[in-house]
Amino acid sequence: MGDGKWRLKMESRIKKLEMLVGRLVRKHKKDKVHAMVTPYPISNCIAGEEVSGTILKYMFACKGIINKGLIKFDKKLKSGVKITVLLENDLGGQAKSYIANTNQMMVKPDLEVFSGDRLTVSVSPNDPEGEVLSEVWISFIWTPHAGEATVKSFLVDKLLEIEAPEED
């Protein structure tokens, strides 16, 4: 075998070995899986002549956290509106209360939830004999625990399966 052919064959083998080592390194970097868990919205709107009391009920199917919520009233009440966020299960519950002095309010309850937990949000004007609400919009964002997420990673696996063309 001539010196030039032997050298080309060795260079080809070295390139293939470098490619295989690169694949092995990429495969070992995949030991940790990172996933982005999308938050879910919970929302409702209640409209009527005199809106007061429960405006939202929701039951959680898995562990997660209630990150934040936004509530919007049809108008600002001079005396304000009491907002109660109640989270309960068969063992007990916890509540957080807020006073809204504007027609829109952002809350960040940061409540951890578990499968079967029930959320109830209610509103009541601070002066029940005064002004009344005729419409209330409410929306919460909650994020399931990362262990509850389904991770699909096929693109990287497919890319790693692609064989480099054989060199002769």
N, C-alpha and C. Protein backbone atom coordinates (compact mmCIF):
# COMPACT_ATOMS: atom_id res chain seq x y z
N MET A 1 0.86 -1.17 0.00
CA MET A 1 0.00 0.00 0.00
C MET A 1 0.90 1.24 0.00
N GLY A 2 0.58 2.15 -0.90
CA GLY A 2 1.39 3.35 -1.01
C GLY A 2 1.24 4.23 0.21
N ASP A 3 2.26 5.05 0.46
CA ASP A 3 2.28 5.93 1.62
C ASP A 3 1.11 6.91 1.60
N GLY A 4 0.72 7.45 0.44
CA GLY A 4 -0.38 8.41 0.33
C GLY A 4 -1.72 7.79 0.64
N LYS A 5 -1.96 6.55 0.10
CA LYS A 5 -3.23 5.87 0.37
C LYS A 5 -3.36 5.52 1.85
N TRP A 6 -2.25 5.07 2.44
CA TRP A 6 -2.28 4.70 3.86
C TRP A 6 -2.62 5.92 4.72
N ARG A 7 -2.01 7.06 4.37
CA ARG A 7 -2.24 8.29 5.11
C ARG A 7 -3.71 8.73 4.98
N LEU A 8 -4.31 8.68 3.78
CA LEU A 8 -5.71 9.04 3.58
C LEU A 8 -6.64 8.12 4.38
N LYS A 9 -6.33 6.82 4.39
CA LYS A 9 -7.15 5.86 5.13
C LYS A 9 -7.08 6.15 6.64
N MET A 10 -5.91 6.48 7.14
CA MET A 10 -5.74 6.80 8.57
C MET A 10 -6.48 8.09 8.92
N GLU A 11 -6.37 9.09 8.06
CA GLU A 11 -7.07 10.35 8.32
C GLU A 11 -8.58 10.12 8.34
N SER A 12 -9.07 9.27 7.45
CA SER A 12 -10.50 8.94 7.41
C SER A 12 -10.91 8.25 8.72
N ARG A 13 -10.10 7.32 9.18
CA ARG A 13 -10.40 6.61 10.44
C ARG A 13 -10.37 7.56 11.64
N ILE A 14 -9.43 8.47 11.63
CA ILE A 14 -9.32 9.45 12.73
C ILE A 14 -10.56 10.34 12.76
N LYS A 15 -11.01 10.78 11.57
CA LYS A 15 -12.22 11.60 11.51
C LYS A 15 -13.42 10.85 12.06
N LYS A 16 -13.54 9.56 11.71
CA LYS A 16 -14.65 8.75 12.21
C LYS A 16 -14.57 8.59 13.73
N LEU A 17 -13.35 8.38 14.25
CA LEU A 17 -13.18 8.26 15.71
C LEU A 17 -13.55 9.56 16.41
N GLU A 18 -13.14 10.71 15.84
CA GLU A 18 -13.49 12.00 16.43
C GLU A 18 -15.00 12.20 16.44
N MET A 19 -15.67 11.76 15.36
CA MET A 19 -17.12 11.88 15.28
C MET A 19 -17.78 11.01 16.36
N LEU A 20 -17.30 9.79 16.54
CA LEU A 20 -17.86 8.89 17.55
C LEU A 20 -17.63 9.44 18.96
N VAL A 21 -16.46 9.97 19.23
CA VAL A 21 -16.17 10.56 20.54
C VAL A 21 -17.10 11.75 20.78
N GLY A 22 -17.31 12.57 19.77
CA GLY A 22 -18.24 13.71 19.89
C GLY A 22 -19.64 13.25 20.22
N ARG A 23 -20.10 12.17 19.58
CA ARG A 23 -21.44 11.63 19.88
C ARG A 23 -21.53 11.12 21.32
N LEU A 24 -20.47 10.43 21.76
CA LEU A 24 -20.47 9.92 23.14
C LEU A 24 -20.53 11.06 24.15
N VAL A 25 -19.79 12.12 23.89
CA VAL A 25 -19.79 13.27 24.79
C VAL A 25 -21.19 13.88 24.84
N ARG A 26 -21.84 14.04 23.67
CA ARG A 26 -23.19 14.62 23.64
C ARG A 26 -24.18 13.72 24.37
N LYS A 27 -24.04 12.42 24.23
CA LYS A 27 -24.97 11.50 24.91
C LYS A 27 -24.81 11.58 26.42
N HIS A 28 -23.58 11.73 26.89
CA HIS A 28 -23.37 11.81 28.34
C HIS A 28 -23.80 13.15 28.91
N LYS A 29 -23.85 14.19 28.08
CA LYS A 29 -24.34 15.48 28.54
C LYS A 29 -25.84 15.44 28.74
N LYS A 30 -26.51 14.43 28.23
CA LYS A 30 -27.97 14.33 28.33
C LYS A 30 -28.42 13.67 29.64
N ASP A 31 -27.50 13.46 30.57
CA ASP A 31 -27.88 12.85 31.85
C ASP A 31 -28.87 13.71 32.60
N LYS A 32 -28.79 15.03 32.45
CA LYS A 32 -29.73 15.94 33.10
C LYS A 32 -30.73 16.43 32.06
N VAL A 33 -32.00 16.33 32.39
CA VAL A 33 -33.04 16.78 31.49
C VAL A 33 -33.65 18.06 32.06
N HIS A 34 -33.70 19.10 31.26
CA HIS A 34 -34.30 20.35 31.66
C HIS A 34 -35.59 20.52 30.88
N ALA A 35 -36.64 20.86 31.59
CA ALA A 35 -37.93 21.05 30.93
C ALA A 35 -38.55 22.36 31.36
N MET A 36 -39.21 23.01 30.43
CA MET A 36 -39.94 24.21 30.76
C MET A 36 -41.39 23.81 31.00
N VAL A 37 -41.89 24.09 32.19
CA VAL A 37 -43.26 23.74 32.53
C VAL A 37 -44.12 24.98 32.34
N THR A 38 -45.08 24.87 31.44
CA THR A 38 -45.94 25.99 31.12
C THR A 38 -47.00 26.18 32.20
N PRO A 39 -47.18 27.41 32.68
CA PRO A 39 -48.24 27.65 33.66
C PRO A 39 -49.62 27.56 32.99
N TYR A 40 -50.62 27.23 33.79
CA TYR A 40 -51.99 27.10 33.30
C TYR A 40 -52.85 28.23 33.86
N PRO A 41 -53.71 28.78 33.03
CA PRO A 41 -54.63 29.81 33.52
C PRO A 41 -55.91 29.20 34.08
N ILE A 42 -56.45 29.84 35.09
CA ILE A 42 -57.77 29.52 35.63
C ILE A 42 -58.51 30.85 35.58
N SER A 43 -59.66 30.91 34.95
CA SER A 43 -60.33 32.20 34.88
C SER A 43 -61.85 32.03 34.91
N ASN A 44 -62.50 33.14 35.21
CA ASN A 44 -63.96 33.16 35.26
C ASN A 44 -64.42 34.62 35.21
N CYS A 45 -65.67 34.78 34.84
CA CYS A 45 -66.30 36.10 34.87
C CYS A 45 -67.71 35.90 35.42
N ILE A 46 -68.07 36.73 36.38
CA ILE A 46 -69.42 36.71 36.95
C ILE A 46 -70.04 38.07 36.69
N ALA A 47 -71.24 38.06 36.14
CA ALA A 47 -71.95 39.32 35.87
C ALA A 47 -73.38 39.18 36.39
N GLY A 48 -73.92 40.26 36.89
CA GLY A 48 -75.28 40.26 37.41
C GLY A 48 -75.60 41.61 38.02
N GLU A 49 -76.76 41.69 38.65
CA GLU A 49 -77.17 42.96 39.26
C GLU A 49 -76.37 43.30 40.51
N GLU A 50 -76.01 42.27 41.27
CA GLU A 50 -75.26 42.49 42.51
C GLU A 50 -74.32 41.31 42.73
N VAL A 51 -73.07 41.44 42.25
CA VAL A 51 -72.10 40.35 42.36
C VAL A 51 -71.43 40.40 43.72
N SER A 52 -71.54 39.28 44.44
CA SER A 52 -70.92 39.14 45.76
C SER A 52 -70.86 37.66 46.07
N GLY A 53 -69.86 37.25 46.84
CA GLY A 53 -69.74 35.83 47.20
C GLY A 53 -68.74 35.12 46.30
N THR A 54 -68.94 33.81 46.11
CA THR A 54 -68.00 32.98 45.35
C THR A 54 -68.00 33.37 43.88
N ILE A 55 -66.80 33.61 43.36
CA ILE A 55 -66.67 33.96 41.94
C ILE A 55 -65.83 32.95 41.16
N LEU A 56 -65.13 32.06 41.87
CA LEU A 56 -64.30 31.06 41.19
C LEU A 56 -64.12 29.84 42.08
N LYS A 57 -64.27 28.65 41.47
CA LYS A 57 -63.96 27.39 42.14
C LYS A 57 -63.14 26.54 41.18
N TYR A 58 -62.13 25.86 41.71
CA TYR A 58 -61.25 25.05 40.86
C TYR A 58 -60.63 23.96 41.72
N MET A 59 -60.49 22.75 41.15
CA MET A 59 -59.83 21.66 41.86
C MET A 59 -58.57 21.28 41.09
N PHE A 60 -57.48 21.09 41.81
CA PHE A 60 -56.19 20.77 41.20
C PHE A 60 -56.02 19.26 41.09
N ALA A 61 -55.54 18.82 39.94
CA ALA A 61 -55.35 17.39 39.69
C ALA A 61 -53.94 16.91 40.06
N CYS A 62 -53.02 17.85 40.27
CA CYS A 62 -51.66 17.46 40.61
C CYS A 62 -50.99 18.55 41.44
N LYS A 63 -49.81 18.23 41.93
CA LYS A 63 -49.03 19.16 42.75
C LYS A 63 -48.57 20.34 41.90
N GLY A 64 -48.53 21.53 42.51
CA GLY A 64 -48.06 22.71 41.80
C GLY A 64 -48.06 23.92 42.71
N ILE A 65 -48.06 25.10 42.11
CA ILE A 65 -48.07 26.33 42.89
C ILE A 65 -48.92 27.38 42.15
N ILE A 66 -49.73 28.09 42.92
CA ILE A 66 -50.51 29.20 42.37
C ILE A 66 -49.60 30.42 42.43
N ASN A 67 -49.20 30.92 41.27
CA ASN A 67 -48.22 31.99 41.20
C ASN A 67 -48.81 33.37 41.41
N LYS A 68 -49.79 33.73 40.58
CA LYS A 68 -50.36 35.07 40.71
C LYS A 68 -51.76 35.09 40.13
N GLY A 69 -52.46 36.15 40.46
CA GLY A 69 -53.82 36.31 39.97
C GLY A 69 -54.13 37.76 39.70
N LEU A 70 -55.11 37.96 38.83
CA LEU A 70 -55.55 39.30 38.49
C LEU A 70 -57.06 39.33 38.63
N ILE A 71 -57.57 40.33 39.29
CA ILE A 71 -59.01 40.49 39.44
C ILE A 71 -59.39 41.89 38.98
N LYS A 72 -60.48 41.96 38.22
CA LYS A 72 -60.92 43.25 37.67
C LYS A 72 -62.42 43.41 37.93
N PHE A 73 -62.75 44.56 38.48
CA PHE A 73 -64.14 44.89 38.79
C PHE A 73 -64.66 45.86 37.74
N ASP A 74 -65.98 45.91 37.56
CA ASP A 74 -66.56 46.83 36.58
C ASP A 74 -66.37 48.28 36.98
N LYS A 75 -66.14 48.52 38.27
CA LYS A 75 -65.89 49.88 38.74
C LYS A 75 -65.15 49.84 40.07
N LYS A 76 -64.57 50.97 40.43
CA LYS A 76 -63.90 51.10 41.72
C LYS A 76 -64.96 51.46 42.77
N LEU A 77 -64.99 50.67 43.85
CA LEU A 77 -65.91 50.98 44.94
C LEU A 77 -65.18 51.86 45.95
N LYS A 78 -65.83 52.91 46.39
CA LYS A 78 -65.21 53.85 47.33
C LYS A 78 -64.77 53.16 48.61
N SER A 79 -65.56 52.21 49.08
CA SER A 79 -65.23 51.52 50.34
C SER A 79 -64.29 50.32 50.12
N GLY A 80 -64.01 49.97 48.87
CA GLY A 80 -63.13 48.85 48.58
C GLY A 80 -63.87 47.52 48.54
N VAL A 81 -63.15 46.49 48.12
CA VAL A 81 -63.71 45.14 48.00
C VAL A 81 -62.77 44.16 48.69
N LYS A 82 -63.32 43.28 49.50
CA LYS A 82 -62.53 42.24 50.15
C LYS A 82 -62.49 41.03 49.23
N ILE A 83 -61.28 40.53 48.98
CA ILE A 83 -61.06 39.33 48.15
C ILE A 83 -60.52 38.25 49.07
N THR A 84 -61.16 37.09 49.09
CA THR A 84 -60.69 35.97 49.91
C THR A 84 -60.32 34.80 49.01
N VAL A 85 -59.10 34.31 49.18
CA VAL A 85 -58.61 33.15 48.43
C VAL A 85 -58.48 32.01 49.44
N LEU A 86 -59.33 30.99 49.27
CA LEU A 86 -59.36 29.85 50.19
C LEU A 86 -58.88 28.60 49.46
N LEU A 87 -57.93 27.91 50.07
CA LEU A 87 -57.42 26.65 49.53
C LEU A 87 -57.66 25.59 50.59
N GLU A 88 -58.41 24.54 50.24
CA GLU A 88 -58.74 23.52 51.24
C GLU A 88 -58.67 22.14 50.64
N ASN A 89 -58.51 21.16 51.55
CA ASN A 89 -58.55 19.74 51.20
C ASN A 89 -59.20 19.00 52.36
N ASP A 90 -59.15 17.68 52.34
CA ASP A 90 -59.81 16.90 53.39
C ASP A 90 -59.16 17.05 54.76
N LEU A 91 -57.94 17.56 54.81
CA LEU A 91 -57.22 17.71 56.08
C LEU A 91 -57.36 19.10 56.70
N GLY A 92 -57.81 20.07 55.92
CA GLY A 92 -57.92 21.44 56.43
C GLY A 92 -57.81 22.44 55.30
N GLY A 93 -57.31 23.62 55.62
CA GLY A 93 -57.19 24.63 54.59
C GLY A 93 -56.44 25.86 55.06
N GLN A 94 -56.27 26.78 54.15
CA GLN A 94 -55.63 28.06 54.45
C GLN A 94 -56.28 29.13 53.58
N ALA A 95 -56.29 30.35 54.11
CA ALA A 95 -56.93 31.45 53.39
C ALA A 95 -56.02 32.67 53.39
N LYS A 96 -56.14 33.47 52.34
CA LYS A 96 -55.46 34.76 52.24
C LYS A 96 -56.51 35.77 51.84
N SER A 97 -56.46 36.94 52.47
CA SER A 97 -57.42 37.99 52.16
C SER A 97 -56.70 39.23 51.67
N TYR A 98 -57.35 39.95 50.77
CA TYR A 98 -56.81 41.18 50.20
C TYR A 98 -57.93 42.21 50.16
N ILE A 99 -57.56 43.48 50.22
CA ILE A 99 -58.53 44.57 50.05
C ILE A 99 -58.16 45.30 48.77
N ALA A 100 -59.12 45.39 47.84
CA ALA A 100 -58.91 46.10 46.57
C ALA A 100 -59.53 47.48 46.66
N ASN A 101 -58.73 48.51 46.51
CA ASN A 101 -59.22 49.89 46.52
C ASN A 101 -59.21 50.50 45.12
N THR A 102 -58.97 49.67 44.12
CA THR A 102 -59.00 50.09 42.73
C THR A 102 -59.91 49.14 41.97
N ASN A 103 -60.10 49.38 40.68
CA ASN A 103 -60.97 48.47 39.93
C ASN A 103 -60.21 47.27 39.38
N GLN A 104 -58.90 47.21 39.63
CA GLN A 104 -58.10 46.07 39.18
C GLN A 104 -56.98 45.83 40.18
N MET A 105 -56.71 44.56 40.48
CA MET A 105 -55.68 44.25 41.47
C MET A 105 -54.96 42.95 41.11
N MET A 106 -53.63 42.99 41.21
CA MET A 106 -52.79 41.81 41.01
C MET A 106 -52.44 41.26 42.39
N VAL A 107 -52.60 39.93 42.57
CA VAL A 107 -52.22 39.29 43.83
C VAL A 107 -51.22 38.19 43.53
N LYS A 108 -50.34 37.93 44.48
CA LYS A 108 -49.34 36.87 44.34
C LYS A 108 -49.41 35.96 45.58
N PRO A 109 -50.35 35.04 45.57
CA PRO A 109 -50.52 34.22 46.78
C PRO A 109 -49.41 33.20 47.00
N ASP A 110 -48.72 32.75 45.94
CA ASP A 110 -47.66 31.74 46.04
C ASP A 110 -48.07 30.59 46.95
N LEU A 111 -49.24 30.01 46.68
CA LEU A 111 -49.75 28.89 47.46
C LEU A 111 -49.38 27.57 46.81
N GLU A 112 -48.79 26.67 47.59
CA GLU A 112 -48.49 25.33 47.08
C GLU A 112 -49.77 24.51 47.11
N VAL A 113 -50.03 23.78 46.02
CA VAL A 113 -51.23 22.96 45.93
C VAL A 113 -50.84 21.50 45.69
N PHE A 114 -51.76 20.61 46.09
CA PHE A 114 -51.57 19.18 45.91
C PHE A 114 -52.80 18.60 45.21
N SER A 115 -52.66 17.40 44.71
CA SER A 115 -53.76 16.74 44.03
C SER A 115 -54.98 16.69 44.95
N GLY A 116 -56.11 17.16 44.46
CA GLY A 116 -57.34 17.16 45.24
C GLY A 116 -57.62 18.45 45.99
N ASP A 117 -56.65 19.36 46.05
CA ASP A 117 -56.88 20.66 46.70
C ASP A 117 -57.94 21.43 45.92
N ARG A 118 -58.76 22.18 46.65
CA ARG A 118 -59.83 22.96 46.04
C ARG A 118 -59.64 24.44 46.34
N LEU A 119 -59.72 25.24 45.30
CA LEU A 119 -59.57 26.69 45.39
C LEU A 119 -60.94 27.34 45.30
N THR A 120 -61.22 28.24 46.23
CA THR A 120 -62.46 29.03 46.18
C THR A 120 -62.07 30.49 46.38
N VAL A 121 -62.50 31.34 45.46
CA VAL A 121 -62.24 32.78 45.57
C VAL A 121 -63.59 33.48 45.69
N SER A 122 -63.67 34.37 46.66
CA SER A 122 -64.92 35.11 46.85
C SER A 122 -64.60 36.60 47.01
N VAL A 123 -65.62 37.42 46.72
CA VAL A 123 -65.50 38.87 46.87
C VAL A 123 -66.70 39.39 47.65
N SER A 124 -66.46 40.46 48.39
CA SER A 124 -67.58 41.13 49.07
C SER A 124 -67.23 42.61 49.25
N PRO A 125 -68.13 43.48 48.84
CA PRO A 125 -67.89 44.91 49.04
C PRO A 125 -67.76 45.21 50.54
N ASN A 126 -66.82 46.10 50.89
CA ASN A 126 -66.63 46.45 52.30
C ASN A 126 -67.85 47.14 52.89
N ASP A 127 -68.63 47.81 52.05
CA ASP A 127 -69.86 48.46 52.51
C ASP A 127 -71.03 47.81 51.76
N PRO A 128 -71.58 46.73 52.33
CA PRO A 128 -72.64 46.00 51.62
C PRO A 128 -73.90 46.83 51.38
N GLU A 129 -74.08 47.91 52.11
CA GLU A 129 -75.26 48.76 51.93
C GLU A 129 -75.02 49.84 50.87
N GLY A 130 -73.75 50.00 50.45
CA GLY A 130 -73.39 51.05 49.50
C GLY A 130 -73.41 50.55 48.06
N GLU A 131 -72.37 50.93 47.32
CA GLU A 131 -72.26 50.56 45.92
C GLU A 131 -72.18 49.04 45.74
N VAL A 132 -72.60 48.56 44.58
CA VAL A 132 -72.54 47.13 44.28
C VAL A 132 -71.75 46.90 43.01
N LEU A 133 -71.22 45.70 42.88
CA LEU A 133 -70.51 45.30 41.68
C LEU A 133 -71.50 44.61 40.73
N SER A 134 -71.34 44.85 39.44
CA SER A 134 -72.19 44.16 38.47
C SER A 134 -71.38 43.22 37.56
N GLU A 135 -70.05 43.28 37.67
CA GLU A 135 -69.21 42.37 36.88
C GLU A 135 -67.85 42.23 37.54
N VAL A 136 -67.37 40.97 37.62
CA VAL A 136 -66.05 40.68 38.18
C VAL A 136 -65.36 39.66 37.27
N TRP A 137 -64.18 40.02 36.83
CA TRP A 137 -63.33 39.12 36.06
C TRP A 137 -62.20 38.65 36.97
N ILE A 138 -61.83 37.37 36.85
CA ILE A 138 -60.73 36.85 37.67
C ILE A 138 -59.93 35.84 36.86
N SER A 139 -58.61 35.87 37.07
CA SER A 139 -57.73 34.93 36.39
C SER A 139 -56.53 34.64 37.30
N PHE A 140 -56.20 33.36 37.44
CA PHE A 140 -55.02 32.94 38.18
C PHE A 140 -54.12 32.15 37.25
N ILE A 141 -52.83 32.17 37.54
CA ILE A 141 -51.86 31.35 36.83
C ILE A 141 -51.30 30.37 37.86
N TRP A 142 -51.32 29.07 37.51
CA TRP A 142 -50.70 28.07 38.39
C TRP A 142 -49.78 27.20 37.55
N THR A 143 -48.69 26.74 38.16
CA THR A 143 -47.69 25.94 37.47
C THR A 143 -47.61 24.56 38.12
N PRO A 144 -47.83 23.50 37.33
CA PRO A 144 -47.67 22.15 37.87
C PRO A 144 -46.22 21.90 38.27
N HIS A 145 -46.02 21.02 39.23
CA HIS A 145 -44.68 20.61 39.65
C HIS A 145 -43.98 19.97 38.46
N ALA A 146 -42.67 20.20 38.32
CA ALA A 146 -41.92 19.70 37.16
C ALA A 146 -42.03 18.19 37.02
N GLY A 147 -42.18 17.46 38.14
CA GLY A 147 -42.31 16.01 38.07
C GLY A 147 -43.61 15.56 37.42
N GLU A 148 -44.57 16.46 37.30
CA GLU A 148 -45.85 16.15 36.68
C GLU A 148 -45.84 16.39 35.17
N ALA A 149 -44.79 17.01 34.67
CA ALA A 149 -44.74 17.38 33.26
C ALA A 149 -44.30 16.20 32.41
N THR A 150 -44.82 16.13 31.21
CA THR A 150 -44.40 15.14 30.24
C THR A 150 -43.37 15.79 29.34
N VAL A 151 -42.17 15.21 29.33
CA VAL A 151 -41.09 15.78 28.53
C VAL A 151 -40.90 14.91 27.29
N LYS A 152 -40.96 15.53 26.15
CA LYS A 152 -40.73 14.83 24.89
C LYS A 152 -39.49 15.41 24.25
N SER A 153 -38.47 14.58 24.14
CA SER A 153 -37.25 15.04 23.47
C SER A 153 -36.92 14.03 22.39
N PHE A 154 -37.23 14.37 21.17
CA PHE A 154 -36.95 13.46 20.08
C PHE A 154 -36.02 14.07 19.05
N LEU A 155 -35.96 15.37 18.98
CA LEU A 155 -35.16 16.01 17.96
C LEU A 155 -33.68 15.72 18.14
N VAL A 156 -33.15 15.86 19.34
CA VAL A 156 -31.74 15.62 19.59
C VAL A 156 -31.41 14.15 19.35
N ASP A 157 -32.29 13.25 19.80
CA ASP A 157 -32.06 11.82 19.58
C ASP A 157 -32.00 11.50 18.09
N LYS A 158 -32.91 12.08 17.32
CA LYS A 158 -32.92 11.84 15.87
C LYS A 158 -31.65 12.38 15.22
N LEU A 159 -31.20 13.54 15.68
CA LEU A 159 -29.98 14.11 15.13
C LEU A 159 -28.77 13.23 15.42
N LEU A 160 -28.73 12.63 16.59
CA LEU A 160 -27.60 11.77 16.96
C LEU A 160 -27.61 10.46 16.18
N GLU A 161 -28.78 10.05 15.69
CA GLU A 161 -28.87 8.80 14.92
C GLU A 161 -28.40 8.94 13.50
N ILE A 162 -28.27 10.15 13.01
CA ILE A 162 -27.86 10.36 11.62
C ILE A 162 -26.42 9.92 11.47
N GLU A 163 -26.21 9.03 10.50
CA GLU A 163 -24.87 8.53 10.23
C GLU A 163 -24.16 9.46 9.27
N ALA A 164 -22.90 9.69 9.50
CA ALA A 164 -22.10 10.47 8.57
C ALA A 164 -21.82 9.61 7.34
N PRO A 165 -21.81 10.20 6.16
CA PRO A 165 -21.56 9.41 4.95
C PRO A 165 -20.19 8.72 5.01
N GLU A 166 -20.16 7.49 4.55
CA GLU A 166 -18.91 6.71 4.54
C GLU A 166 -17.94 7.30 3.54
N GLU A 167 -16.71 7.42 3.92
CA GLU A 167 -15.68 7.91 3.01
C GLU A 167 -14.81 6.74 2.58
N ASP A 168 -14.53 6.66 1.31
CA ASP A 168 -13.67 5.56 0.81
C ASP A 168 -12.27 6.01 0.54
